[in-house]
Amino acid sequence: MDDNKLAAIVEEYLPLLGSTKEKLVIGEILTSLLKLITSHPYAGNWELFLKLINASKHLLLTHSSNLIKRHALVLLAHLAPVASDSDMNESGLTSEMQSEFSVIVKILREFSHYFDPRVRSAALNSIYSLHQRGAKLDISLYCEFCEGLTDDYEDCRMASIKLMEVLSHNYADCLVCVGKGDEQIRLVDDAFAKICSMMNDLSIRVRVQAASILGNFTDVAPDFLEQTLDKKLMSNLRKKRSAHERSRENFKSGEWSSGKKWADDAPLEELDPEAINLMDIGACGAFIHGLEDEFLEVRMASLESLCKLAISFPAFAQQSLDFLVDMFNDEIEDIRLKAIQCLSRIGQQNITLRDDQIDIILGVLEDMSIDIREALHDMLGNCKLSSKQSLKACIEKLLYNLRRYPEDKHSLWKCFQKLGTNHPNLVDLIVHELLMIHPFLDLPEPSLEDDAYISVLILVFNAAALCPSITKVFLPHTFKHYSYLQYSYPQEVPHIPDIDSGLERKREQSQHCEGVSESAMSFLSSIFERIRNIMSSPSVSLETQAAVIELSIGDLEKFGEIESSMSHASDFLKQYLKCQMSLRKILSNNNWINTFLLSPLQSNSFRSSLQQILQTTFCLIHQFHGLHPFHLSLILQTRVKALALQLIAVIHGSNQSALTLCDAFLEEVKTLQTHLKLNGMDPDPLTKEMIQEVNKLSSPKPGSVARALQPLFLSSPKLISQAVDLTQLVSSNTIEYLEHLRKSSACINEPNGRSDNPLKFTAGLILTVRLDAMIYNIKDIKTIRLMIHSPDQTNNFILPKLSDFRLMDNNSRESDSRNYRLLTNIYLSHTVWTEPCHVSISIVSDFRETASSFGISQTWASKTGSGIRARPEESLIIELCKPIKLLIAPKQHKKGF
């Protein structure tokens, strides 16, 4: 909106403010003007803004309605000229603007004492909005804000708390007087003390506001900060006066000795608690009051502020440990979890836990909540322990946790890893007990299938990496176990220099990894160079070309197994080559255009090949993340060709309606054109001709589109040579994207499906199955479903709750794809079965709601001539992991006597 249009709108509103008497109408007009000014803070027309300021002042003087006054005050705060506004700098503020700004601040200051509490609240919030716009508030406003803390209206007290925080940051070291005396302290200390006193306010909203803001006072003096953890007033907060000052005050008091007692010639000093304390009595123990508050919100805010201040002040962090540990016994789970998370953050500041604190903390490991236990595992890994007794107690309790809750295995292994890294010297003292090394008896070798033994080894190996003396007591089988675990769990078990140098492995492995990285790129290039050479040779038959492509697919599969870092890229290239093979298979038959001439077996093969192309290209688009635009264009072009073949075959070989297929094809062509235009790329010759023929049609009907595309697909050799020109897949521009390519996948940890004993339950009732799974590289968890495949060949899809997903560390380079852990319950129920049968459980991505057009395009391709007919919408479901088979047996309920 330009300045002229804005001025015209404002000029229409201004007469209405003077002529209208209804307060609701005036309030709506002021609201409309506020929205206009908010979208155009400074439009360069100062005269227009000055008219609005004068109109707002007039409304404040002439109307007694609190509604009008509140809207006028808010509008004034947004009309005040501020140097930080767009198109206005400090030099742009004229003397008139600065004077007008001072007048507006004075008006807001006066209305902060208005008799109506709603107006006072609006005035204080308007002053705060000036700060948000970038205006620097004057220190003289501090007295008004202090008075606002005692206001009867809770909104005024909340606004005053926020404004005092603003001034404490702007004028932290300025001195202010305390009480009625001459004692002075820093403004930030006084503001901190006064906000601490608001922790005893009657309103829960005020207490939450005060508790939340306390964590922002990072410049407060340590003496004042430590006082918040003690309900007793510390004497050293009283300012010490010299003997001359005390004598002068005694002389001014007029008191003299009565002569009845010896040395009673000095007058006694009158002590007034309100005068001698630099902190109010209510400010003492502010965090204690917050942590003991009856409301959940206050305790949560107090914990967060306490954590922020503890991170900034190491001495305060050590003093606050007892209070945080006491919160582990809170009756509300969210409070316990918050306390554990806060202590985990503070633990990164190298604090040390005492033995009595460890006893309280370890008692929480028996909690039924997995969130509490996993947070506690992370906290124990971040904190320091004071003695080997604490470490032994911690290890014993963690191993008991592993026996009681086996699903915590991975979280516990990370905890043992951090414990070993943080306490190598303590582990060195008890390594004989941990590894069960006897001085003269040869004990049996522990089993690596024991998760408890693996946990101990992770602890010892991480400590041995920093304390070489630990490796001197290792037994021969311990070195073998190290080699196994270092290969199987490289993230938990580090390289130990002494062992690696003895086995001469670390140097060889590093050289091997570098060689693989270089050879991987050359090997990929050689695969597609071989394809290009074969396809460019006119003497090579189509059968030989197909055999070369099949050989390349096998090479890519082996390459992904050897080079794990390129497994996702090799899988992508392998799937794309399979699409090209399916396309060649269709075009190799000259009768593909007339499906009625094909045998039933050939017809089914033709339709299944189309189904495979459409299904695979759909998976490539939605399952792989980080694709280069060229890669995506190749997939879209392959998909357009498959849809064109499908449309031509339906028109010439079937009497079915092709309208929906034609619409899906045209929509796919439009998507491809948009993608190519945005990235400045050209399609291959065949796709280019297809787009040109479609664009020539004035009214693209199914028949006309098929007749236009049919001549382009009759030259099979030319089409095949164009379809397999894939050398640019691994060019220098796209190879970096292949290295960072990520594939969506999942891994089900529980149930593992290894038990041969059926899970029995009464038919008609519910069997609960606990599911623990890891989901990798997912953009939108709302598409995740649990697919239950029953023995009667029916599929049921379960939508997990969003609260069942737990965000894990995002190791992917793509910021929009993340890793999650899924913890949920699956409820199974069925009628009576004659014998136990397997139920398959898998994790899938369901795109039926977001990609309905893909399902329409695959309707005809999914109708096979024989066998079970798949529903077309099931092609929009991508399996992320292999199904887990669970043996269940619904039994008939026993009849009573």
Foldseek 3Di string as FASTA:
>chain_A
DAPVVLLVVLVVLLVVLVPDDDLVVLLVSLVVVQVSCVVPLPRPPLVSLVSLLVSLVVQCPPDPDLSSLLSSLLSLLSSQDDQLDPPHHPVNQDPVSVVSNVVSLVVLLVQCPPPDPSSVLSSLVSVVVNVVSPDDDDPVCLVSLLVQCPDPDVSSNLSSLVVLLSVCVVQVQDWDDADPDPDIGGSLQLSLLSLLLQCPPPDPVSNLSSLQSLLVSLPHDVVLVLQLQALDADPVQFDDDDPVVVQVVQVVVPDAAPPPDPPRGTDDDDDDVRRGGSHDSSSGNSLVSQCPPPDPSSNLSNLVSQLSNCQSPVVSVQVCLVVLLVQCPDPDPVSNLSSLQSLLSSLQVADEDEQVSLVSLLVSLPPPDPSNNLSSLSSLLSHHYDALVSVVVVLVSLVVSCVVDVVCLVSLLVSLLSLLQRCLPSCLVCVCVLCVPDPPDDDDDDDPVDSSNVSSLLNNQSSCLVVVVSVVPDDPVSLVVLVVCCVVPVPSGDDRVVSCVVVVNPVVVVVVVVVLVVVLLVVVLVLLVVLLVQLVDPVHDPVVSLVSLVVSLVVLCVSCVVDVLLVLLSVLVSLLSLLLSLVLVLLVDLCSLALVPDDQVVSLSNLVSLLSLLLSLLQSVAFKPLADLVSNLLSLLSNLVSLLSVLSSCVRHHPDDCQLSQVLSVVSLVVSVVSCVVVVHDDFPLNVQLNVLVVVDPDDDSVSSNVSNVVSSNPPSVVSSRSSNCSVCSDPVGVVSSSQMDGKAKDKPPPQQPDPDAAEDAAPAKDKGKTKMKIWFHQDLQQKWKWKQDPVRDIDTHGDDPVQWDWDDAPHPDPRTGMIIGIDIDIDHHGADPAKDKMWIFMKGACCPPPVSSLSNSQVSQQRDDDDGDRSSCSRIGTRYGIRIHIHGHHHDDDDD
